[in-house]
Amino acid sequence: MRIALLQSSGRPGSTVENLKVLDEAAGRAAAAGAGLIVAPEMFLTGYAIGDDVARLAEPADGDAADAIAELAARHGLAVAYGYPERDGETVYNSAQLISAGGARLANYRKTHLFGCFERDHFTPGEQPVVQAELDGLRIGLMICYDVEFPENVRAHALAGTDLLLVPTAQMHPFQFVAEHLVPVRAFENQMYVAYVNRVGAEDEFEFVGLSTLAGPDGVARTRAGRAEELVVADVDPVFLAASREGNPYLEDRRPGLYGSLV
């Protein structure tokens, strides 16, 4: 499956404008043969928007989700995107996957909140592994800081995730996560990892870009730079199966020794 990584901060504070940015990028992705486009963390509204987080938050099945379902069906590709999710009085930092037919396939709530900004505006999710089936692949969802916890990604590996989608808002000076940690996570867990970042300055944050699709061999299939960019790469299930057969990490685990981790 070919996937497109939309490295963009969109237009912070404007859901309408961000839907336009996503629509245009989805058209380009579809023209390039992609079956899935992934947008960054909080793409729908912007990340550094202060108290507007609560004002702009929507339910998982809200108006914006309907608009994205429409554009997914119109362009004929699946869409994964980050957004602030409202559930009653509670707001989560969430990511949702919508199929090429416009069906809502999975919704994930970020389990590990980063820094004072996120802890002030969001409630952490409690479900670490959220998956969906898409074009013969088992897709997992995670958000930014979550991928930096090896236990999180290993849980996905043990649950059979083939492609882990990680909408992110990775900021300076932590670019080593995109450059080094993400490919290692892909290798040690024998999966593809799509890490899709915001870029540029937003309020006190400087997002570093460097979005990547890392393969189970630890090699980046594509890597964006430090500007707004749409990059495309392929997820090869045949290569994934061969890599898993040749790498015994998951088979050689000794879970009985790891009780002290919890």
C-alpha atoms as a PDB file:
ATOM      1  CA  MET A   1       0.000   0.000   0.000  1.00  0.00           C
ATOM      2  CA  ARG A   2       1.250   3.461  -0.868  1.00  0.00           C
ATOM      3  CA  ILE A   3       0.842   6.052   1.861  1.00  0.00           C
ATOM      4  CA  ALA A   4       1.278   9.824   1.874  1.00  0.00           C
ATOM      5  CA  LEU A   5       2.622  11.777   4.840  1.00  0.00           C
ATOM      6  CA  LEU A   6       1.285  15.333   5.058  1.00  0.00           C
ATOM      7  CA  GLN A   7       3.902  17.381   6.887  1.00  0.00           C
ATOM      8  CA  SER A   8       2.082  20.620   7.632  1.00  0.00           C
ATOM      9  CA  SER A   9       0.846  22.728  10.516  1.00  0.00           C
ATOM     10  CA  GLY A  10      -2.086  23.849   8.411  1.00  0.00           C
ATOM     11  CA  ARG A  11      -3.746  27.033   9.630  1.00  0.00           C
ATOM     12  CA  PRO A  12      -3.797  26.999  13.459  1.00  0.00           C
ATOM     13  CA  GLY A  13      -7.142  28.074  14.884  1.00  0.00           C
ATOM     14  CA  SER A  14      -9.215  27.413  11.739  1.00  0.00           C
ATOM     15  CA  THR A  15     -10.874  24.035  11.233  1.00  0.00           C
ATOM     16  CA  VAL A  16     -12.346  25.241   7.937  1.00  0.00           C
ATOM     17  CA  GLU A  17      -8.943  26.189   6.502  1.00  0.00           C
ATOM     18  CA  ASN A  18      -7.319  22.985   7.723  1.00  0.00           C
ATOM     19  CA  LEU A  19     -10.001  20.920   6.008  1.00  0.00           C
ATOM     20  CA  LYS A  20      -9.155  22.790   2.799  1.00  0.00           C
ATOM     21  CA  VAL A  21      -5.444  22.022   3.248  1.00  0.00           C
ATOM     22  CA  LEU A  22      -6.221  18.346   3.842  1.00  0.00           C
ATOM     23  CA  ASP A  23      -8.578  18.204   0.852  1.00  0.00           C
ATOM     24  CA  GLU A  24      -5.947  19.634  -1.484  1.00  0.00           C
ATOM     25  CA  ALA A  25      -3.240  17.312  -0.139  1.00  0.00           C
ATOM     26  CA  ALA A  26      -5.543  14.297  -0.432  1.00  0.00           C
ATOM     27  CA  GLY A  27      -6.041  15.104  -4.090  1.00  0.00           C
ATOM     28  CA  ARG A  28      -2.298  15.181  -4.678  1.00  0.00           C
ATOM     29  CA  ALA A  29      -1.823  11.983  -2.672  1.00  0.00           C
ATOM     30  CA  ALA A  30      -4.489  10.160  -4.655  1.00  0.00           C
ATOM     31  CA  ALA A  31      -2.914  11.334  -7.919  1.00  0.00           C
ATOM     32  CA  ALA A  32       0.371   9.813  -6.706  1.00  0.00           C
ATOM     33  CA  GLY A  33      -1.339   6.462  -6.150  1.00  0.00           C
ATOM     34  CA  ALA A  34      -1.632   6.626  -2.359  1.00  0.00           C
ATOM     35  CA  GLY A  35      -4.351   4.652  -0.612  1.00  0.00           C
ATOM     36  CA  LEU A  36      -3.865   6.452   2.700  1.00  0.00           C
ATOM     37  CA  ILE A  37      -2.885   9.962   3.769  1.00  0.00           C
ATOM     38  CA  VAL A  38      -1.739  10.705   7.322  1.00  0.00           C
ATOM     39  CA  ALA A  39      -1.873  14.204   8.829  1.00  0.00           C
ATOM     40  CA  PRO A  40      -0.096  15.372  12.016  1.00  0.00           C
ATOM     41  CA  GLU A  41      -1.192  15.610  15.631  1.00  0.00           C
ATOM     42  CA  MET A  42      -3.996  18.152  16.206  1.00  0.00           C
ATOM     43  CA  PHE A  43      -4.040  18.915  12.480  1.00  0.00           C
ATOM     44  CA  LEU A  44      -7.729  19.693  12.420  1.00  0.00           C
ATOM     45  CA  THR A  45      -7.424  22.757  14.683  1.00  0.00           C
ATOM     46  CA  GLY A  46      -3.760  23.505  15.209  1.00  0.00           C
ATOM     47  CA  TYR A  47      -1.690  22.508  18.219  1.00  0.00           C
ATOM     48  CA  ALA A  48      -0.653  25.679  20.088  1.00  0.00           C
ATOM     49  CA  ILE A  49      -4.112  27.244  20.248  1.00  0.00           C
ATOM     50  CA  GLY A  50      -4.455  27.667  24.021  1.00  0.00           C
ATOM     51  CA  ASP A  51      -7.990  27.711  25.368  1.00  0.00           C
ATOM     52  CA  ASP A  52      -9.361  27.343  21.833  1.00  0.00           C
ATOM     53  CA  VAL A  53      -8.651  23.636  22.290  1.00  0.00           C
ATOM     54  CA  ALA A  54     -11.873  23.293  24.276  1.00  0.00           C
ATOM     55  CA  ARG A  55     -13.836  25.589  21.968  1.00  0.00           C
ATOM     56  CA  LEU A  56     -12.824  23.770  18.773  1.00  0.00           C
ATOM     57  CA  ALA A  57     -12.956  20.219  20.132  1.00  0.00           C
ATOM     58  CA  GLU A  58     -15.523  17.991  18.391  1.00  0.00           C
ATOM     59  CA  PRO A  59     -16.967  14.525  18.942  1.00  0.00           C
ATOM     60  CA  ALA A  60     -15.408  11.663  16.984  1.00  0.00           C
ATOM     61  CA  ASP A  61     -18.534  11.641  14.813  1.00  0.00           C
ATOM     62  CA  GLY A  62     -18.861  15.419  14.573  1.00  0.00           C
ATOM     63  CA  ASP A  63     -19.113  17.770  11.605  1.00  0.00           C
ATOM     64  CA  ALA A  64     -15.384  17.696  10.848  1.00  0.00           C
ATOM     65  CA  ALA A  65     -15.357  13.897  10.836  1.00  0.00           C
ATOM     66  CA  ASP A  66     -18.250  13.979   8.364  1.00  0.00           C
ATOM     67  CA  ALA A  67     -16.342  16.429   6.157  1.00  0.00           C
ATOM     68  CA  ILE A  68     -13.243  14.232   6.199  1.00  0.00           C
ATOM     69  CA  ALA A  69     -15.337  11.156   5.416  1.00  0.00           C
ATOM     70  CA  GLU A  70     -16.720  13.008   2.392  1.00  0.00           C
ATOM     71  CA  LEU A  71     -13.304  14.043   1.104  1.00  0.00           C
ATOM     72  CA  ALA A  72     -11.908  10.539   1.699  1.00  0.00           C
ATOM     73  CA  ALA A  73     -14.684   9.022  -0.405  1.00  0.00           C
ATOM     74  CA  ARG A  74     -14.357  11.718  -3.069  1.00  0.00           C
ATOM     75  CA  HIS A  75     -10.596  11.168  -3.467  1.00  0.00           C
ATOM     76  CA  GLY A  76     -10.776   7.402  -2.923  1.00  0.00           C
ATOM     77  CA  LEU A  77      -8.210   7.123  -0.137  1.00  0.00           C
ATOM     78  CA  ALA A  78      -8.217   6.564   3.619  1.00  0.00           C
ATOM     79  CA  VAL A  79      -7.397   9.471   5.954  1.00  0.00           C
ATOM     80  CA  ALA A  80      -5.779   9.503   9.414  1.00  0.00           C
ATOM     81  CA  TYR A  81      -5.665  12.818  11.248  1.00  0.00           C
ATOM     82  CA  GLY A  82      -5.151  14.330  14.688  1.00  0.00           C
ATOM     83  CA  TYR A  83      -7.797  16.449  16.399  1.00  0.00           C
ATOM     84  CA  PRO A  84      -9.119  17.504  19.827  1.00  0.00           C
ATOM     85  CA  GLU A  85     -11.969  15.140  20.680  1.00  0.00           C
ATOM     86  CA  ARG A  86     -14.845  16.199  22.910  1.00  0.00           C
ATOM     87  CA  ASP A  87     -16.694  13.520  24.841  1.00  0.00           C
ATOM     88  CA  GLY A  88     -19.143  15.324  27.100  1.00  0.00           C
ATOM     89  CA  GLU A  89     -17.090  17.668  29.273  1.00  0.00           C
ATOM     90  CA  THR A  90     -13.860  15.738  28.641  1.00  0.00           C
ATOM     91  CA  VAL A  91     -11.373  16.631  25.895  1.00  0.00           C
ATOM     92  CA  TYR A  92      -8.841  14.175  24.511  1.00  0.00           C
ATOM     93  CA  ASN A  93      -5.892  14.561  22.130  1.00  0.00           C
ATOM     94  CA  SER A  94      -7.076  12.046  19.547  1.00  0.00           C
ATOM     95  CA  ALA A  95      -6.371  10.542  16.135  1.00  0.00           C
ATOM     96  CA  GLN A  96      -8.978   9.032  13.862  1.00  0.00           C
ATOM     97  CA  LEU A  97      -8.761   6.746  10.818  1.00  0.00           C
ATOM     98  CA  ILE A  98     -11.437   6.971   8.142  1.00  0.00           C
ATOM     99  CA  SER A  99     -11.653   4.534   5.234  1.00  0.00           C
ATOM    100  CA  ALA A 100     -11.615   5.365   1.534  1.00  0.00           C
ATOM    101  CA  GLY A 101     -15.344   4.710   1.610  1.00  0.00           C
ATOM    102  CA  GLY A 102     -15.892   7.270   4.368  1.00  0.00           C
ATOM    103  CA  ALA A 103     -16.377   4.822   7.260  1.00  0.00           C
ATOM    104  CA  ARG A 104     -14.888   5.601  10.667  1.00  0.00           C
ATOM    105  CA  LEU A 105     -12.492   2.693  11.316  1.00  0.00           C
ATOM    106  CA  ALA A 106     -10.683   3.607  14.548  1.00  0.00           C
ATOM    107  CA  ASN A 107     -10.329   6.406  17.073  1.00  0.00           C
ATOM    108  CA  TYR A 108      -7.392   6.641  19.486  1.00  0.00           C
ATOM    109  CA  ARG A 109      -6.902   8.893  22.519  1.00  0.00           C
ATOM    110  CA  LYS A 110      -3.321   9.843  23.379  1.00  0.00           C
ATOM    111  CA  THR A 111      -2.266   7.903  26.470  1.00  0.00           C
ATOM    112  CA  HIS A 112       0.935   9.784  27.385  1.00  0.00           C
ATOM    113  CA  LEU A 113       0.517  13.551  27.537  1.00  0.00           C
ATOM    114  CA  PHE A 114       3.617  15.681  27.057  1.00  0.00           C
ATOM    115  CA  GLY A 115       4.332  18.837  29.032  1.00  0.00           C
ATOM    116  CA  CYS A 116       2.197  21.339  30.875  1.00  0.00           C
ATOM    117  CA  PHE A 117       0.289  22.481  27.791  1.00  0.00           C
ATOM    118  CA  GLU A 118      -1.158  19.035  27.105  1.00  0.00           C
ATOM    119  CA  ARG A 119      -1.786  18.190  30.747  1.00  0.00           C
ATOM    120  CA  ASP A 120      -3.664  21.473  31.178  1.00  0.00           C
ATOM    121  CA  HIS A 121      -5.946  20.915  28.183  1.00  0.00           C
ATOM    122  CA  PHE A 122      -6.428  17.169  27.764  1.00  0.00           C
ATOM    123  CA  THR A 123      -7.357  14.020  29.647  1.00  0.00           C
ATOM    124  CA  PRO A 124      -5.130  11.002  28.874  1.00  0.00           C
ATOM    125  CA  GLY A 125      -6.682   8.035  27.098  1.00  0.00           C
ATOM    126  CA  GLU A 126      -6.710   4.600  28.702  1.00  0.00           C
ATOM    127  CA  GLN A 127      -6.611   2.221  25.709  1.00  0.00           C
ATOM    128  CA  PRO A 128      -3.023   1.682  24.509  1.00  0.00           C
ATOM    129  CA  VAL A 129      -3.714  -0.495  21.463  1.00  0.00           C
ATOM    130  CA  VAL A 130      -6.280   0.662  18.909  1.00  0.00           C
ATOM    131  CA  GLN A 131      -6.278  -1.084  15.514  1.00  0.00           C
ATOM    132  CA  ALA A 132      -8.203  -1.413  12.274  1.00  0.00           C
ATOM    133  CA  GLU A 133      -7.934  -3.492   9.122  1.00  0.00           C
ATOM    134  CA  LEU A 134      -7.160  -1.587   5.921  1.00  0.00           C
ATOM    135  CA  ASP A 135      -6.250  -3.089   2.546  1.00  0.00           C
ATOM    136  CA  GLY A 136      -5.000  -6.310   4.125  1.00  0.00           C
ATOM    137  CA  LEU A 137      -2.871  -4.554   6.731  1.00  0.00           C
ATOM    138  CA  ARG A 138      -3.464  -4.268  10.455  1.00  0.00           C
ATOM    139  CA  ILE A 139      -3.183  -0.550  11.179  1.00  0.00           C
ATOM    140  CA  GLY A 140      -2.370   0.788  14.653  1.00  0.00           C
ATOM    141  CA  LEU A 141      -2.770   4.331  15.955  1.00  0.00           C
ATOM    142  CA  MET A 142      -0.575   6.242  18.371  1.00  0.00           C
ATOM    143  CA  ILE A 143       0.235   9.931  18.930  1.00  0.00           C
ATOM    144  CA  CYS A 144       3.655  11.595  19.241  1.00  0.00           C
ATOM    145  CA  TYR A 145       5.042  11.082  22.784  1.00  0.00           C
ATOM    146  CA  ASP A 146       3.384   7.649  22.965  1.00  0.00           C
ATOM    147  CA  VAL A 147       5.943   6.187  20.544  1.00  0.00           C
ATOM    148  CA  GLU A 148       8.786   7.122  22.884  1.00  0.00           C
ATOM    149  CA  PHE A 149       7.610   4.485  25.367  1.00  0.00           C
ATOM    150  CA  PRO A 150       8.901   1.095  24.179  1.00  0.00           C
ATOM    151  CA  GLU A 151       6.173  -0.738  26.068  1.00  0.00           C
ATOM    152  CA  ASN A 152       3.525   1.015  23.970  1.00  0.00           C
ATOM    153  CA  VAL A 153       4.976  -0.008  20.631  1.00  0.00           C
ATOM    154  CA  ARG A 154       5.763  -3.525  21.818  1.00  0.00           C
ATOM    155  CA  ALA A 155       2.113  -3.928  22.813  1.00  0.00           C
ATOM    156  CA  HIS A 156       1.216  -3.139  19.211  1.00  0.00           C
ATOM    157  CA  ALA A 157       3.762  -5.627  17.923  1.00  0.00           C
ATOM    158  CA  LEU A 158       2.320  -8.363  20.122  1.00  0.00           C
ATOM    159  CA  ALA A 159      -1.165  -7.457  18.873  1.00  0.00           C
ATOM    160  CA  GLY A 160      -0.041  -7.894  15.270  1.00  0.00           C
ATOM    161  CA  THR A 161       0.159  -4.282  14.073  1.00  0.00           C
ATOM    162  CA  ASP A 162       1.725  -4.108  10.602  1.00  0.00           C
ATOM    163  CA  LEU A 163       1.709  -0.336  10.124  1.00  0.00           C
ATOM    164  CA  LEU A 164       1.744   2.054  13.075  1.00  0.00           C
ATOM    165  CA  LEU A 165       0.479   5.557  12.309  1.00  0.00           C
ATOM    166  CA  VAL A 166       1.898   8.251  14.590  1.00  0.00           C
ATOM    167  CA  PRO A 167       0.542  11.757  14.019  1.00  0.00           C
ATOM    168  CA  THR A 168       2.959  13.950  15.936  1.00  0.00           C
ATOM    169  CA  ALA A 169       3.900  17.460  17.049  1.00  0.00           C
ATOM    170  CA  GLN A 170       7.626  16.888  17.574  1.00  0.00           C
ATOM    171  CA  MET A 171       9.448  20.043  18.578  1.00  0.00           C
ATOM    172  CA  HIS A 172      13.003  21.334  18.874  1.00  0.00           C
ATOM    173  CA  PRO A 173      15.336  20.084  20.361  1.00  0.00           C
ATOM    174  CA  PHE A 174      13.975  16.523  20.206  1.00  0.00           C
ATOM    175  CA  GLN A 175      14.513  15.855  16.497  1.00  0.00           C
ATOM    176  CA  PHE A 176      16.573  12.760  17.356  1.00  0.00           C
ATOM    177  CA  VAL A 177      13.235  11.012  17.934  1.00  0.00           C
ATOM    178  CA  ALA A 178      12.349  11.330  14.249  1.00  0.00           C
ATOM    179  CA  GLU A 179      15.886  10.717  13.059  1.00  0.00           C
ATOM    180  CA  HIS A 180      16.862   7.765  15.244  1.00  0.00           C
ATOM    181  CA  LEU A 181      14.260   6.508  17.707  1.00  0.00           C
ATOM    182  CA  VAL A 182      11.439   5.921  15.214  1.00  0.00           C
ATOM    183  CA  PRO A 183      13.505   3.704  12.872  1.00  0.00           C
ATOM    184  CA  VAL A 184      14.690   1.719  15.909  1.00  0.00           C
ATOM    185  CA  ARG A 185      11.084   1.251  17.067  1.00  0.00           C
ATOM    186  CA  ALA A 186      10.206  -0.078  13.614  1.00  0.00           C
ATOM    187  CA  PHE A 187      13.148  -2.498  13.656  1.00  0.00           C
ATOM    188  CA  GLU A 188      12.820  -3.832  17.188  1.00  0.00           C
ATOM    189  CA  ASN A 189       9.079  -4.409  16.747  1.00  0.00           C
ATOM    190  CA  GLN A 190       9.135  -5.557  13.113  1.00  0.00           C
ATOM    191  CA  MET A 191       6.576  -3.184  11.688  1.00  0.00           C
ATOM    192  CA  TYR A 192       6.310  -0.085   9.533  1.00  0.00           C
ATOM    193  CA  VAL A 193       6.034   3.204  11.449  1.00  0.00           C
ATOM    194  CA  ALA A 194       4.659   6.348   9.820  1.00  0.00           C
ATOM    195  CA  TYR A 195       5.696   9.343  11.927  1.00  0.00           C
ATOM    196  CA  VAL A 196       4.018  12.498  10.602  1.00  0.00           C
ATOM    197  CA  ASN A 197       5.012  15.833  12.082  1.00  0.00           C
ATOM    198  CA  ARG A 198       3.988  19.453  12.181  1.00  0.00           C
ATOM    199  CA  VAL A 199       6.511  22.031  10.985  1.00  0.00           C
ATOM    200  CA  GLY A 200       7.495  25.612  11.789  1.00  0.00           C
ATOM    201  CA  ALA A 201       6.777  27.925  14.705  1.00  0.00           C
ATOM    202  CA  GLU A 202       3.535  27.953  16.677  1.00  0.00           C
ATOM    203  CA  ASP A 203       3.458  30.160  19.734  1.00  0.00           C
ATOM    204  CA  GLU A 204       6.339  28.955  21.972  1.00  0.00           C
ATOM    205  CA  PHE A 205       6.870  25.735  20.014  1.00  0.00           C
ATOM    206  CA  GLU A 206       9.125  25.103  17.012  1.00  0.00           C
ATOM    207  CA  PHE A 207       8.151  21.923  15.195  1.00  0.00           C
ATOM    208  CA  VAL A 208      10.996  20.198  13.383  1.00  0.00           C
ATOM    209  CA  GLY A 209       9.343  18.309  10.522  1.00  0.00           C
ATOM    210  CA  LEU A 210      11.429  15.279   9.472  1.00  0.00           C
ATOM    211  CA  SER A 211       8.340  13.107   8.950  1.00  0.00           C
ATOM    212  CA  THR A 212       9.274   9.578   7.982  1.00  0.00           C
ATOM    213  CA  LEU A 213       8.062   6.134   7.068  1.00  0.00           C
ATOM    214  CA  ALA A 214      10.470   3.645   8.678  1.00  0.00           C
ATOM    215  CA  GLY A 215      10.512  -0.021   7.643  1.00  0.00           C
ATOM    216  CA  PRO A 216      11.001  -3.157   9.736  1.00  0.00           C
ATOM    217  CA  ASP A 217      14.677  -3.128   8.693  1.00  0.00           C
ATOM    218  CA  GLY A 218      15.106   0.235  10.423  1.00  0.00           C
ATOM    219  CA  VAL A 219      15.546   2.063   7.123  1.00  0.00           C
ATOM    220  CA  ALA A 220      13.577   5.203   6.273  1.00  0.00           C
ATOM    221  CA  ARG A 221      11.560   4.700   3.087  1.00  0.00           C
ATOM    222  CA  THR A 222      11.048   8.449   2.850  1.00  0.00           C
ATOM    223  CA  ARG A 223      11.912  11.443   4.985  1.00  0.00           C
ATOM    224  CA  ALA A 224      10.621  14.993   4.717  1.00  0.00           C
ATOM    225  CA  GLY A 225      12.758  18.040   5.401  1.00  0.00           C
ATOM    226  CA  ARG A 226      12.022  21.078   7.579  1.00  0.00           C
ATOM    227  CA  ALA A 227       9.317  22.696   5.420  1.00  0.00           C
ATOM    228  CA  GLU A 228       5.716  21.906   4.518  1.00  0.00           C
ATOM    229  CA  GLU A 229       5.807  18.855   2.308  1.00  0.00           C
ATOM    230  CA  LEU A 230       3.842  15.834   1.092  1.00  0.00           C
ATOM    231  CA  VAL A 231       5.976  12.702   0.798  1.00  0.00           C
ATOM    232  CA  VAL A 232       4.921   9.287  -0.466  1.00  0.00           C
ATOM    233  CA  ALA A 233       6.294   5.793   0.177  1.00  0.00           C
ATOM    234  CA  ASP A 234       5.201   2.160  -0.005  1.00  0.00           C
ATOM    235  CA  VAL A 235       4.386  -0.365   2.702  1.00  0.00           C
ATOM    236  CA  ASP A 236       5.311  -3.823   1.368  1.00  0.00           C
ATOM    237  CA  PRO A 237       3.564  -6.706   3.166  1.00  0.00           C
ATOM    238  CA  VAL A 238       5.772  -9.283   1.422  1.00  0.00           C
ATOM    239  CA  PHE A 239       8.918  -7.585   2.682  1.00  0.00           C
ATOM    240  CA  LEU A 240       7.354  -7.269   6.135  1.00  0.00           C
ATOM    241  CA  ALA A 241       6.626 -11.007   6.289  1.00  0.00           C
ATOM    242  CA  ALA A 242      10.169 -11.867   5.190  1.00  0.00           C
ATOM    243  CA  SER A 243      11.656  -9.445   7.709  1.00  0.00           C
ATOM    244  CA  ARG A 244       9.617 -10.949  10.528  1.00  0.00           C
ATOM    245  CA  GLU A 245      10.695 -14.428   9.549  1.00  0.00           C
ATOM    246  CA  GLY A 246      14.346 -13.414   9.635  1.00  0.00           C
ATOM    247  CA  ASN A 247      14.220 -11.367  12.849  1.00  0.00           C
ATOM    248  CA  PRO A 248      13.477 -13.388  16.013  1.00  0.00           C
ATOM    249  CA  TYR A 249      12.935 -10.559  18.505  1.00  0.00           C
ATOM    250  CA  LEU A 250       9.312 -11.365  19.247  1.00  0.00           C
ATOM    251  CA  GLU A 251       9.886 -15.130  19.306  1.00  0.00           C
ATOM    252  CA  ASP A 252      12.945 -14.860  21.559  1.00  0.00           C
ATOM    253  CA  ARG A 253      11.237 -12.771  24.227  1.00  0.00           C
ATOM    254  CA  ARG A 254      11.125 -14.188  27.771  1.00  0.00           C
ATOM    255  CA  PRO A 255       8.085 -12.446  29.314  1.00  0.00           C
ATOM    256  CA  GLY A 256       8.579 -14.245  32.626  1.00  0.00           C
ATOM    257  CA  LEU A 257      11.661 -12.117  33.226  1.00  0.00           C
ATOM    258  CA  TYR A 258       9.908  -8.803  32.683  1.00  0.00           C
ATOM    259  CA  GLY A 259       7.536  -8.657  35.623  1.00  0.00           C
ATOM    260  CA  SER A 260       9.569  -5.914  37.257  1.00  0.00           C
ATOM    261  CA  LEU A 261       8.677  -3.573  34.389  1.00  0.00           C
ATOM    262  CA  VAL A 262       5.177  -3.210  35.750  1.00  0.00           C
END
